[in-house]
Amino acid sequence: MTIEIKTSTLEPVRNTFAHIERRFGDKPATRYQEATYDVQSEEYLHYRPLWQPEKLLNDASRTAIKMNDWYAFKDPRQFYYGTYVQQRAKMQEVAENNYAFFERRNLANLLTEEMKAKLIRYLVPLRHAEHGANLNNMYASAYGYGTAITQACLYNGMDRLGIAQYLSRIGLILDGNSGDSLAEAKLNWTNESIWQGLRAYVEKMTVTEDWFEVLVAQDVVLDALILDLFYTQFDEWLQANGAQDVGMLTEFVQVWAKDTNRWVDATLKIAAAESDENKALLEQWISSWKESAVKALTPLAEEMLGAEAMTQASAALDKRLAKAGLFK
């Protein structure tokens, strides 16, 4: 008996969804494209928001930034829910291993009481600023326009919640899980003069109406300055003063920042390249918020690292802005 095996190729009737085909042509689409482009509802919204009846539920006029196509804000990381969760799960696994190693080897015991006090005074209170960053990115996600940017804001907001939780864990490691460090850090945040400028800056962002301006104030200006001050300069100071093991607990922020800055810088570049009006407005916002941020952080930076720290952080921000095509 002879058995003859034949194969046949079935051509798909459609390669992708109609709205994706209209944008990219009749060809197989990536998961990112299918999960991102033209997903936001633009018609048939049924009602206007009762708290803002002059606007639609999804309304591009909630920011002064103007875009011909709001889906121009392509995320260079190609994050949709699936890829975001997978990548963050890997990052969390590495971070958990670092924390477990730190605690298993009792590395906190190698820190002097003076060093622990510095960490509680200068690092742990940042968890409150991170909660503010969570609120700001969630606001941009809620009131922004176009899934390409709103989903990225949502992911960033959730990242900030995770960072706040890890900073809290650092405090718990330092105080033996008593929670005393968190209470002390909160008092520093609410009462200590060196933190009041940053606290006021965070509170001002939460009452700023234009969601893109909030994005600029938080993810562009403040984050760049904080990342350089705390996770570059302060990290180097810790290494030079016998607390290099603490780097295991903050390394995840540095890895996260490299990943997130790709999206932030791309977003700035795209918005600025859209029109001269956008570029001028972005430069106006950045100048104003940077002046406020530098003033807010200077007392903290000087006490923590010295007089030149704020200048170095500001220069690092200026370098990033130039790469994005601003202030040229």
C-alpha atoms as a PDB file:
ATOM      1  CA  MET A   1       0.000   0.000   0.000  1.00  0.00           C
ATOM      2  CA  THR A   2       1.318   3.429  -0.913  1.00  0.00           C
ATOM      3  CA  ILE A   3       0.583   6.454   1.220  1.00  0.00           C
ATOM      4  CA  GLU A   4       0.873   9.784  -0.511  1.00  0.00           C
ATOM      5  CA  ILE A   5       1.096  12.872   1.697  1.00  0.00           C
ATOM      6  CA  LYS A   6       0.226  16.181   0.180  1.00  0.00           C
ATOM      7  CA  THR A   7       0.480  19.650   1.665  1.00  0.00           C
ATOM      8  CA  SER A   8      -1.488  22.665   0.714  1.00  0.00           C
ATOM      9  CA  THR A   9      -1.122  26.310   1.609  1.00  0.00           C
ATOM     10  CA  LEU A  10      -4.167  28.230   2.706  1.00  0.00           C
ATOM     11  CA  GLU A  11      -4.008  31.917   2.021  1.00  0.00           C
ATOM     12  CA  PRO A  12      -5.726  34.007   4.713  1.00  0.00           C
ATOM     13  CA  VAL A  13      -8.763  35.961   3.634  1.00  0.00           C
ATOM     14  CA  ARG A  14      -7.459  38.972   5.552  1.00  0.00           C
ATOM     15  CA  ASN A  15      -3.996  39.717   6.901  1.00  0.00           C
ATOM     16  CA  THR A  16      -5.094  42.029   9.676  1.00  0.00           C
ATOM     17  CA  PHE A  17      -7.916  44.217  10.952  1.00  0.00           C
ATOM     18  CA  ALA A  18      -9.466  46.785   8.602  1.00  0.00           C
ATOM     19  CA  HIS A  19      -8.307  49.823  10.592  1.00  0.00           C
ATOM     20  CA  ILE A  20      -4.736  48.490  10.668  1.00  0.00           C
ATOM     21  CA  GLU A  21      -4.907  47.795   6.948  1.00  0.00           C
ATOM     22  CA  ARG A  22      -6.009  51.368   6.259  1.00  0.00           C
ATOM     23  CA  ARG A  23      -2.964  52.665   8.121  1.00  0.00           C
ATOM     24  CA  PHE A  24      -0.226  50.182   7.163  1.00  0.00           C
ATOM     25  CA  GLY A  25      -1.564  48.341   4.115  1.00  0.00           C
ATOM     26  CA  ASP A  26      -2.857  44.805   3.584  1.00  0.00           C
ATOM     27  CA  LYS A  27      -0.029  42.865   5.205  1.00  0.00           C
ATOM     28  CA  PRO A  28       0.480  40.953   8.454  1.00  0.00           C
ATOM     29  CA  ALA A  29       0.698  43.381  11.375  1.00  0.00           C
ATOM     30  CA  THR A  30       2.762  43.159  14.521  1.00  0.00           C
ATOM     31  CA  ARG A  31       1.092  42.586  17.862  1.00  0.00           C
ATOM     32  CA  TYR A  32       2.121  46.094  18.891  1.00  0.00           C
ATOM     33  CA  GLN A  33       0.351  47.588  15.879  1.00  0.00           C
ATOM     34  CA  GLU A  34      -2.820  45.608  16.466  1.00  0.00           C
ATOM     35  CA  ALA A  35      -2.889  46.462  20.180  1.00  0.00           C
ATOM     36  CA  THR A  36      -2.104  50.150  19.738  1.00  0.00           C
ATOM     37  CA  TYR A  37      -3.124  51.924  16.559  1.00  0.00           C
ATOM     38  CA  ASP A  38      -6.588  53.486  16.280  1.00  0.00           C
ATOM     39  CA  VAL A  39      -7.826  51.566  19.312  1.00  0.00           C
ATOM     40  CA  GLN A  40      -9.175  54.643  21.083  1.00  0.00           C
ATOM     41  CA  SER A  41     -12.806  55.453  20.361  1.00  0.00           C
ATOM     42  CA  GLU A  42     -13.307  58.692  18.461  1.00  0.00           C
ATOM     43  CA  GLU A  43     -16.997  58.490  17.564  1.00  0.00           C
ATOM     44  CA  TYR A  44     -20.206  57.210  19.147  1.00  0.00           C
ATOM     45  CA  LEU A  45     -19.138  58.139  22.672  1.00  0.00           C
ATOM     46  CA  HIS A  46     -22.838  58.562  23.602  1.00  0.00           C
ATOM     47  CA  TYR A  47     -22.367  61.350  26.141  1.00  0.00           C
ATOM     48  CA  ARG A  48     -20.032  64.095  27.220  1.00  0.00           C
ATOM     49  CA  PRO A  49     -18.391  63.957  30.653  1.00  0.00           C
ATOM     50  CA  LEU A  50     -20.693  65.525  33.230  1.00  0.00           C
ATOM     51  CA  TRP A  51     -17.733  67.187  34.971  1.00  0.00           C
ATOM     52  CA  GLN A  52     -16.529  68.769  31.706  1.00  0.00           C
ATOM     53  CA  PRO A  53     -19.486  69.033  29.307  1.00  0.00           C
ATOM     54  CA  GLU A  54     -17.604  71.236  26.830  1.00  0.00           C
ATOM     55  CA  LYS A  55     -15.262  68.291  26.061  1.00  0.00           C
ATOM     56  CA  LEU A  56     -15.682  64.854  24.545  1.00  0.00           C
ATOM     57  CA  LEU A  57     -14.616  61.826  26.562  1.00  0.00           C
ATOM     58  CA  ASN A  58     -11.566  61.544  24.318  1.00  0.00           C
ATOM     59  CA  ASP A  59     -10.668  65.080  23.355  1.00  0.00           C
ATOM     60  CA  ALA A  60      -7.418  66.258  21.788  1.00  0.00           C
ATOM     61  CA  SER A  61      -8.015  69.812  23.029  1.00  0.00           C
ATOM     62  CA  ARG A  62      -7.132  68.873  26.604  1.00  0.00           C
ATOM     63  CA  THR A  63      -3.555  69.857  25.784  1.00  0.00           C
ATOM     64  CA  ALA A  64      -2.089  72.833  23.947  1.00  0.00           C
ATOM     65  CA  ILE A  65       0.149  70.479  21.967  1.00  0.00           C
ATOM     66  CA  LYS A  66      -1.206  69.955  18.444  1.00  0.00           C
ATOM     67  CA  MET A  67      -0.620  66.813  16.396  1.00  0.00           C
ATOM     68  CA  ASN A  68      -1.813  65.944  12.920  1.00  0.00           C
ATOM     69  CA  ASP A  69      -1.748  62.279  13.947  1.00  0.00           C
ATOM     70  CA  TRP A  70      -1.647  61.406  17.637  1.00  0.00           C
ATOM     71  CA  TYR A  71      -0.524  57.905  16.745  1.00  0.00           C
ATOM     72  CA  ALA A  72       2.803  59.335  15.622  1.00  0.00           C
ATOM     73  CA  PHE A  73       3.969  58.726  19.210  1.00  0.00           C
ATOM     74  CA  LYS A  74       5.346  55.282  18.487  1.00  0.00           C
ATOM     75  CA  ASP A  75       6.930  53.627  21.510  1.00  0.00           C
ATOM     76  CA  PRO A  76      10.472  52.540  20.499  1.00  0.00           C
ATOM     77  CA  ARG A  77      10.158  49.682  23.005  1.00  0.00           C
ATOM     78  CA  GLN A  78       7.066  48.379  21.181  1.00  0.00           C
ATOM     79  CA  PHE A  79       5.259  47.946  24.501  1.00  0.00           C
ATOM     80  CA  TYR A  80       1.739  46.628  24.539  1.00  0.00           C
ATOM     81  CA  TYR A  81       0.354  44.777  27.556  1.00  0.00           C
ATOM     82  CA  GLY A  82       1.973  41.431  26.739  1.00  0.00           C
ATOM     83  CA  THR A  83       5.495  42.670  26.057  1.00  0.00           C
ATOM     84  CA  TYR A  84       5.351  45.145  28.941  1.00  0.00           C
ATOM     85  CA  VAL A  85       4.389  42.475  31.477  1.00  0.00           C
ATOM     86  CA  GLN A  86       6.992  40.026  30.187  1.00  0.00           C
ATOM     87  CA  GLN A  87       9.824  42.551  30.352  1.00  0.00           C
ATOM     88  CA  ARG A  88       8.876  43.884  33.758  1.00  0.00           C
ATOM     89  CA  ALA A  89       8.560  40.334  35.101  1.00  0.00           C
ATOM     90  CA  LYS A  90      12.180  39.715  34.105  1.00  0.00           C
ATOM     91  CA  MET A  91      13.268  42.960  35.764  1.00  0.00           C
ATOM     92  CA  GLN A  92      11.377  42.083  38.921  1.00  0.00           C
ATOM     93  CA  GLU A  93      12.963  38.634  39.059  1.00  0.00           C
ATOM     94  CA  VAL A  94      16.435  40.191  38.962  1.00  0.00           C
ATOM     95  CA  ALA A  95      15.482  42.794  41.583  1.00  0.00           C
ATOM     96  CA  GLU A  96      13.980  40.163  43.900  1.00  0.00           C
ATOM     97  CA  ASN A  97      17.158  38.099  43.639  1.00  0.00           C
ATOM     98  CA  ASN A  98      19.235  41.145  44.566  1.00  0.00           C
ATOM     99  CA  TYR A  99      17.035  41.923  47.563  1.00  0.00           C
ATOM    100  CA  ALA A 100      17.044  38.294  48.675  1.00  0.00           C
ATOM    101  CA  PHE A 101      20.856  38.153  48.449  1.00  0.00           C
ATOM    102  CA  PHE A 102      21.196  41.422  50.389  1.00  0.00           C
ATOM    103  CA  GLU A 103      18.945  40.180  53.180  1.00  0.00           C
ATOM    104  CA  ARG A 104      20.283  36.616  53.238  1.00  0.00           C
ATOM    105  CA  ARG A 105      23.858  37.860  53.694  1.00  0.00           C
ATOM    106  CA  ASN A 106      22.741  40.485  56.267  1.00  0.00           C
ATOM    107  CA  LEU A 107      24.543  43.189  54.295  1.00  0.00           C
ATOM    108  CA  ALA A 108      22.607  45.880  56.145  1.00  0.00           C
ATOM    109  CA  ASN A 109      24.698  45.012  59.208  1.00  0.00           C
ATOM    110  CA  LEU A 110      27.788  46.227  57.359  1.00  0.00           C
ATOM    111  CA  LEU A 111      26.326  49.730  57.185  1.00  0.00           C
ATOM    112  CA  THR A 112      27.128  52.141  59.969  1.00  0.00           C
ATOM    113  CA  GLU A 113      24.295  53.770  61.854  1.00  0.00           C
ATOM    114  CA  GLU A 114      25.340  57.082  60.313  1.00  0.00           C
ATOM    115  CA  MET A 115      25.055  55.601  56.825  1.00  0.00           C
ATOM    116  CA  LYS A 116      21.632  54.124  57.578  1.00  0.00           C
ATOM    117  CA  ALA A 117      20.491  57.529  58.820  1.00  0.00           C
ATOM    118  CA  LYS A 118      21.667  59.142  55.579  1.00  0.00           C
ATOM    119  CA  LEU A 119      19.760  56.610  53.498  1.00  0.00           C
ATOM    120  CA  ILE A 120      16.602  57.183  55.523  1.00  0.00           C
ATOM    121  CA  ARG A 121      17.023  60.945  55.241  1.00  0.00           C
ATOM    122  CA  TYR A 122      17.970  61.177  51.552  1.00  0.00           C
ATOM    123  CA  LEU A 123      16.685  58.079  49.743  1.00  0.00           C
ATOM    124  CA  VAL A 124      13.615  56.586  51.425  1.00  0.00           C
ATOM    125  CA  PRO A 125      11.518  59.825  51.306  1.00  0.00           C
ATOM    126  CA  LEU A 126      11.652  59.592  47.522  1.00  0.00           C
ATOM    127  CA  ARG A 127       8.906  56.990  47.756  1.00  0.00           C
ATOM    128  CA  HIS A 128       6.463  59.867  48.265  1.00  0.00           C
ATOM    129  CA  ALA A 129       7.724  61.585  45.116  1.00  0.00           C
ATOM    130  CA  GLU A 130       7.251  58.296  43.264  1.00  0.00           C
ATOM    131  CA  HIS A 131       3.639  58.085  44.384  1.00  0.00           C
ATOM    132  CA  GLY A 132       3.229  61.558  42.920  1.00  0.00           C
ATOM    133  CA  ALA A 133       4.798  60.339  39.675  1.00  0.00           C
ATOM    134  CA  ASN A 134       2.282  57.499  39.637  1.00  0.00           C
ATOM    135  CA  LEU A 135      -0.594  59.994  39.929  1.00  0.00           C
ATOM    136  CA  ASN A 136       0.819  62.229  37.205  1.00  0.00           C
ATOM    137  CA  ASN A 137       1.322  59.467  34.667  1.00  0.00           C
ATOM    138  CA  MET A 138      -2.112  58.043  35.425  1.00  0.00           C
ATOM    139  CA  TYR A 139      -3.570  61.503  34.824  1.00  0.00           C
ATOM    140  CA  ALA A 140      -1.832  61.677  31.440  1.00  0.00           C
ATOM    141  CA  SER A 141      -3.145  58.207  30.628  1.00  0.00           C
ATOM    142  CA  ALA A 142      -6.696  59.142  31.586  1.00  0.00           C
ATOM    143  CA  TYR A 143      -6.888  62.478  29.772  1.00  0.00           C
ATOM    144  CA  GLY A 144      -4.333  61.983  27.001  1.00  0.00           C
ATOM    145  CA  TYR A 145      -5.268  61.378  23.392  1.00  0.00           C
ATOM    146  CA  GLY A 146      -4.348  58.321  21.340  1.00  0.00           C
ATOM    147  CA  THR A 147      -3.542  54.856  22.650  1.00  0.00           C
ATOM    148  CA  ALA A 148       0.059  55.120  21.438  1.00  0.00           C
ATOM    149  CA  ILE A 149       0.867  57.592  24.204  1.00  0.00           C
ATOM    150  CA  THR A 150      -1.808  56.866  26.819  1.00  0.00           C
ATOM    151  CA  GLN A 151      -0.867  53.194  27.202  1.00  0.00           C
ATOM    152  CA  ALA A 152       2.802  54.135  27.607  1.00  0.00           C
ATOM    153  CA  CYS A 153       1.807  56.621  30.334  1.00  0.00           C
ATOM    154  CA  LEU A 154      -0.202  53.892  32.045  1.00  0.00           C
ATOM    155  CA  TYR A 155       2.760  51.514  32.064  1.00  0.00           C
ATOM    156  CA  ASN A 156       5.028  54.260  33.377  1.00  0.00           C
ATOM    157  CA  GLY A 157       2.540  55.044  36.121  1.00  0.00           C
ATOM    158  CA  MET A 158       2.542  51.424  37.256  1.00  0.00           C
ATOM    159  CA  ASP A 159       6.342  51.391  37.153  1.00  0.00           C
ATOM    160  CA  ARG A 160       6.420  54.329  39.550  1.00  0.00           C
ATOM    161  CA  LEU A 161       4.189  52.518  42.001  1.00  0.00           C
ATOM    162  CA  GLY A 162       6.638  49.615  41.909  1.00  0.00           C
ATOM    163  CA  ILE A 163       9.608  51.924  42.495  1.00  0.00           C
ATOM    164  CA  ALA A 164       7.850  53.462  45.500  1.00  0.00           C
ATOM    165  CA  GLN A 165       7.313  49.981  46.929  1.00  0.00           C
ATOM    166  CA  TYR A 166      10.966  49.028  46.448  1.00  0.00           C
ATOM    167  CA  LEU A 167      12.097  52.232  48.167  1.00  0.00           C
ATOM    168  CA  SER A 168       9.817  51.318  51.057  1.00  0.00           C
ATOM    169  CA  ARG A 169      11.445  47.892  51.207  1.00  0.00           C
ATOM    170  CA  ILE A 170      14.857  49.532  51.484  1.00  0.00           C
ATOM    171  CA  GLY A 171      13.610  51.355  54.546  1.00  0.00           C
ATOM    172  CA  LEU A 172      12.247  48.134  56.036  1.00  0.00           C
ATOM    173  CA  ILE A 173      15.556  46.372  55.449  1.00  0.00           C
ATOM    174  CA  LEU A 174      17.387  49.176  57.241  1.00  0.00           C
ATOM    175  CA  ASP A 175      15.105  49.159  60.306  1.00  0.00           C
ATOM    176  CA  GLY A 176      14.643  45.405  60.623  1.00  0.00           C
ATOM    177  CA  ASN A 177      11.053  45.507  59.337  1.00  0.00           C
ATOM    178  CA  SER A 178       9.881  47.667  62.218  1.00  0.00           C
ATOM    179  CA  GLY A 179       8.530  50.377  59.930  1.00  0.00           C
ATOM    180  CA  ASP A 180      10.266  53.109  61.925  1.00  0.00           C
ATOM    181  CA  SER A 181      12.278  54.217  58.903  1.00  0.00           C
ATOM    182  CA  LEU A 182       9.119  54.763  56.860  1.00  0.00           C
ATOM    183  CA  ALA A 183       7.596  56.892  59.605  1.00  0.00           C
ATOM    184  CA  GLU A 184      10.821  58.887  59.869  1.00  0.00           C
ATOM    185  CA  ALA A 185      11.030  59.288  56.094  1.00  0.00           C
ATOM    186  CA  LYS A 186       7.467  60.573  56.008  1.00  0.00           C
ATOM    187  CA  LEU A 187       8.295  63.150  58.681  1.00  0.00           C
ATOM    188  CA  ASN A 188      11.299  64.193  56.594  1.00  0.00           C
ATOM    189  CA  TRP A 189       9.042  64.564  53.550  1.00  0.00           C
ATOM    190  CA  THR A 190       6.425  66.623  55.374  1.00  0.00           C
ATOM    191  CA  ASN A 191       8.566  68.633  57.805  1.00  0.00           C
ATOM    192  CA  GLU A 192      12.236  68.828  56.842  1.00  0.00           C
ATOM    193  CA  SER A 193      13.086  72.047  55.010  1.00  0.00           C
ATOM    194  CA  ILE A 194      15.326  70.324  52.432  1.00  0.00           C
ATOM    195  CA  TRP A 195      12.335  68.321  51.126  1.00  0.00           C
ATOM    196  CA  GLN A 196       9.719  71.060  51.015  1.00  0.00           C
ATOM    197  CA  GLY A 197      10.723  72.412  47.615  1.00  0.00           C
ATOM    198  CA  LEU A 198      10.349  69.001  45.982  1.00  0.00           C
ATOM    199  CA  ARG A 199       7.126  68.368  47.850  1.00  0.00           C
ATOM    200  CA  ALA A 200       5.683  71.678  46.592  1.00  0.00           C
ATOM    201  CA  TYR A 201       6.805  70.849  43.038  1.00  0.00           C
ATOM    202  CA  VAL A 202       5.054  67.475  43.169  1.00  0.00           C
ATOM    203  CA  GLU A 203       1.873  69.047  44.527  1.00  0.00           C
ATOM    204  CA  LYS A 204       1.914  71.734  41.819  1.00  0.00           C
ATOM    205  CA  MET A 205       2.054  69.048  39.133  1.00  0.00           C
ATOM    206  CA  THR A 206      -1.036  67.335  40.528  1.00  0.00           C
ATOM    207  CA  VAL A 207      -3.121  70.489  39.962  1.00  0.00           C
ATOM    208  CA  THR A 208      -1.762  71.276  36.470  1.00  0.00           C
ATOM    209  CA  GLU A 209      -4.538  70.802  33.929  1.00  0.00           C
ATOM    210  CA  ASP A 210      -2.688  70.264  30.638  1.00  0.00           C
ATOM    211  CA  TRP A 211      -1.760  66.571  30.642  1.00  0.00           C
ATOM    212  CA  PHE A 212       1.167  66.971  28.234  1.00  0.00           C
ATOM    213  CA  GLU A 213       2.603  69.723  30.408  1.00  0.00           C
ATOM    214  CA  VAL A 214       2.349  67.355  33.378  1.00  0.00           C
ATOM    215  CA  LEU A 215       4.209  64.758  31.329  1.00  0.00           C
ATOM    216  CA  VAL A 216       6.960  67.290  30.609  1.00  0.00           C
ATOM    217  CA  ALA A 217       7.212  68.449  34.232  1.00  0.00           C
ATOM    218  CA  GLN A 218       7.342  64.904  35.601  1.00  0.00           C
ATOM    219  CA  ASP A 219       8.885  62.530  33.088  1.00  0.00           C
ATOM    220  CA  VAL A 220      11.206  64.975  31.341  1.00  0.00           C
ATOM    221  CA  VAL A 221      12.359  67.561  33.877  1.00  0.00           C
ATOM    222  CA  LEU A 222      11.997  66.151  37.378  1.00  0.00           C
ATOM    223  CA  ASP A 223      12.850  62.556  36.555  1.00  0.00           C
ATOM    224  CA  ALA A 224      16.053  63.514  34.741  1.00  0.00           C
ATOM    225  CA  LEU A 225      17.259  65.609  37.682  1.00  0.00           C
ATOM    226  CA  ILE A 226      16.325  63.016  40.311  1.00  0.00           C
ATOM    227  CA  LEU A 227      17.864  60.142  38.377  1.00  0.00           C
ATOM    228  CA  ASP A 228      21.178  61.966  38.088  1.00  0.00           C
ATOM    229  CA  LEU A 229      21.230  63.233  41.670  1.00  0.00           C
ATOM    230  CA  PHE A 230      20.120  60.098  43.480  1.00  0.00           C
ATOM    231  CA  TYR A 231      20.860  57.161  41.211  1.00  0.00           C
ATOM    232  CA  THR A 232      24.099  58.400  39.662  1.00  0.00           C
ATOM    233  CA  GLN A 233      25.805  60.910  41.943  1.00  0.00           C
ATOM    234  CA  PHE A 234      24.503  59.629  45.295  1.00  0.00           C
ATOM    235  CA  ASP A 235      25.147  56.052  44.146  1.00  0.00           C
ATOM    236  CA  GLU A 236      28.754  56.986  43.379  1.00  0.00           C
ATOM    237  CA  TRP A 237      29.045  58.634  46.793  1.00  0.00           C
ATOM    238  CA  LEU A 238      27.767  55.475  48.480  1.00  0.00           C
ATOM    239  CA  GLN A 239      30.324  53.385  46.616  1.00  0.00           C
ATOM    240  CA  ALA A 240      33.115  55.704  47.681  1.00  0.00           C
ATOM    241  CA  ASN A 241      32.034  55.659  51.332  1.00  0.00           C
ATOM    242  CA  GLY A 242      31.713  51.940  52.033  1.00  0.00           C
ATOM    243  CA  ALA A 243      28.036  51.462  51.175  1.00  0.00           C
ATOM    244  CA  GLN A 244      28.489  49.974  47.716  1.00  0.00           C
ATOM    245  CA  ASP A 245      26.177  47.062  48.560  1.00  0.00           C
ATOM    246  CA  VAL A 246      23.214  49.456  48.558  1.00  0.00           C
ATOM    247  CA  GLY A 247      23.665  49.600  44.789  1.00  0.00           C
ATOM    248  CA  MET A 248      22.133  46.134  44.627  1.00  0.00           C
ATOM    249  CA  LEU A 249      18.887  47.616  45.951  1.00  0.00           C
ATOM    250  CA  THR A 250      18.742  50.558  43.542  1.00  0.00           C
ATOM    251  CA  GLU A 251      20.159  48.987  40.391  1.00  0.00           C
ATOM    252  CA  PHE A 252      16.639  48.247  39.138  1.00  0.00           C
ATOM    253  CA  VAL A 253      15.912  51.990  38.936  1.00  0.00           C
ATOM    254  CA  GLN A 254      18.972  52.568  36.762  1.00  0.00           C
ATOM    255  CA  VAL A 255      17.980  49.718  34.438  1.00  0.00           C
ATOM    256  CA  TRP A 256      14.394  50.985  34.359  1.00  0.00           C
ATOM    257  CA  ALA A 257      15.539  54.544  33.600  1.00  0.00           C
ATOM    258  CA  LYS A 258      17.562  53.506  30.541  1.00  0.00           C
ATOM    259  CA  ASP A 259      14.491  51.714  29.208  1.00  0.00           C
ATOM    260  CA  THR A 260      12.000  54.473  30.019  1.00  0.00           C
ATOM    261  CA  ASN A 261      14.177  57.337  28.798  1.00  0.00           C
ATOM    262  CA  ARG A 262      14.041  55.871  25.298  1.00  0.00           C
ATOM    263  CA  TRP A 263      10.270  56.405  25.278  1.00  0.00           C
ATOM    264  CA  VAL A 264      10.395  59.830  26.974  1.00  0.00           C
ATOM    265  CA  ASP A 265      13.057  61.164  24.610  1.00  0.00           C
ATOM    266  CA  ALA A 266      11.253  59.782  21.545  1.00  0.00           C
ATOM    267  CA  THR A 267       7.989  61.404  22.678  1.00  0.00           C
ATOM    268  CA  LEU A 268       9.682  64.785  23.111  1.00  0.00           C
ATOM    269  CA  LYS A 269      11.411  64.528  19.755  1.00  0.00           C
ATOM    270  CA  ILE A 270       8.218  63.606  17.897  1.00  0.00           C
ATOM    271  CA  ALA A 271       6.170  66.400  19.493  1.00  0.00           C
ATOM    272  CA  ALA A 272       8.875  69.012  18.848  1.00  0.00           C
ATOM    273  CA  ALA A 273       9.348  67.949  15.235  1.00  0.00           C
ATOM    274  CA  GLU A 274       5.611  68.243  14.508  1.00  0.00           C
ATOM    275  CA  SER A 275       5.604  72.036  14.359  1.00  0.00           C
ATOM    276  CA  ASP A 276       7.470  75.167  15.415  1.00  0.00           C
ATOM    277  CA  GLU A 277       4.545  75.996  17.694  1.00  0.00           C
ATOM    278  CA  ASN A 278       4.911  72.690  19.534  1.00  0.00           C
ATOM    279  CA  LYS A 279       8.647  73.164  19.864  1.00  0.00           C
ATOM    280  CA  ALA A 280       8.248  76.683  21.241  1.00  0.00           C
ATOM    281  CA  LEU A 281       5.630  75.543  23.739  1.00  0.00           C
ATOM    282  CA  LEU A 282       7.731  72.586  24.896  1.00  0.00           C
ATOM    283  CA  GLU A 283      10.749  74.829  25.392  1.00  0.00           C
ATOM    284  CA  GLN A 284       8.611  77.281  27.371  1.00  0.00           C
ATOM    285  CA  TRP A 285       7.264  74.516  29.613  1.00  0.00           C
ATOM    286  CA  ILE A 286      10.677  72.941  30.111  1.00  0.00           C
ATOM    287  CA  SER A 287      12.341  76.255  30.970  1.00  0.00           C
ATOM    288  CA  SER A 288       9.663  77.123  33.509  1.00  0.00           C
ATOM    289  CA  TRP A 289       9.499  73.720  35.164  1.00  0.00           C
ATOM    290  CA  LYS A 290      13.261  73.266  35.125  1.00  0.00           C
ATOM    291  CA  GLU A 291      13.742  76.567  36.937  1.00  0.00           C
ATOM    292  CA  SER A 292      11.250  75.435  39.579  1.00  0.00           C
ATOM    293  CA  ALA A 293      12.772  71.959  39.862  1.00  0.00           C
ATOM    294  CA  VAL A 294      16.329  73.221  40.229  1.00  0.00           C
ATOM    295  CA  LYS A 295      15.223  75.655  42.922  1.00  0.00           C
ATOM    296  CA  ALA A 296      13.280  72.892  44.681  1.00  0.00           C
ATOM    297  CA  LEU A 297      16.102  70.344  44.627  1.00  0.00           C
ATOM    298  CA  THR A 298      19.077  72.599  45.329  1.00  0.00           C
ATOM    299  CA  PRO A 299      18.884  72.575  49.174  1.00  0.00           C
ATOM    300  CA  LEU A 300      18.561  68.790  49.155  1.00  0.00           C
ATOM    301  CA  ALA A 301      21.339  68.301  46.594  1.00  0.00           C
ATOM    302  CA  GLU A 302      23.747  70.622  48.403  1.00  0.00           C
ATOM    303  CA  GLU A 303      23.277  68.949  51.767  1.00  0.00           C
ATOM    304  CA  MET A 304      23.471  65.466  50.261  1.00  0.00           C
ATOM    305  CA  LEU A 305      26.309  65.876  47.756  1.00  0.00           C
ATOM    306  CA  GLY A 306      27.718  69.400  47.735  1.00  0.00           C
ATOM    307  CA  ALA A 307      27.468  72.611  45.770  1.00  0.00           C
ATOM    308  CA  GLU A 308      28.280  71.180  42.320  1.00  0.00           C
ATOM    309  CA  ALA A 309      25.705  68.366  42.339  1.00  0.00           C
ATOM    310  CA  MET A 310      22.807  70.404  41.009  1.00  0.00           C
ATOM    311  CA  THR A 311      24.931  71.885  38.230  1.00  0.00           C
ATOM    312  CA  GLN A 312      25.940  68.408  37.077  1.00  0.00           C
ATOM    313  CA  ALA A 313      22.335  67.153  37.109  1.00  0.00           C
ATOM    314  CA  SER A 314      21.135  70.201  35.188  1.00  0.00           C
ATOM    315  CA  ALA A 315      23.848  69.708  32.556  1.00  0.00           C
ATOM    316  CA  ALA A 316      22.796  66.072  32.104  1.00  0.00           C
ATOM    317  CA  LEU A 317      19.223  67.210  31.441  1.00  0.00           C
ATOM    318  CA  ASP A 318      20.378  69.857  28.954  1.00  0.00           C
ATOM    319  CA  LYS A 319      22.322  67.207  27.043  1.00  0.00           C
ATOM    320  CA  ARG A 320      19.221  65.026  26.688  1.00  0.00           C
ATOM    321  CA  LEU A 321      17.112  67.966  25.577  1.00  0.00           C
ATOM    322  CA  ALA A 322      19.606  68.874  22.865  1.00  0.00           C
ATOM    323  CA  LYS A 323      19.481  65.317  21.510  1.00  0.00           C
ATOM    324  CA  ALA A 324      15.697  65.648  21.317  1.00  0.00           C
ATOM    325  CA  GLY A 325      16.090  68.725  19.105  1.00  0.00           C
ATOM    326  CA  LEU A 326      15.144  71.341  21.701  1.00  0.00           C
ATOM    327  CA  PHE A 327      16.825  74.658  22.563  1.00  0.00           C
ATOM    328  CA  LYS A 328      18.720  74.767  19.271  1.00  0.00           C
END
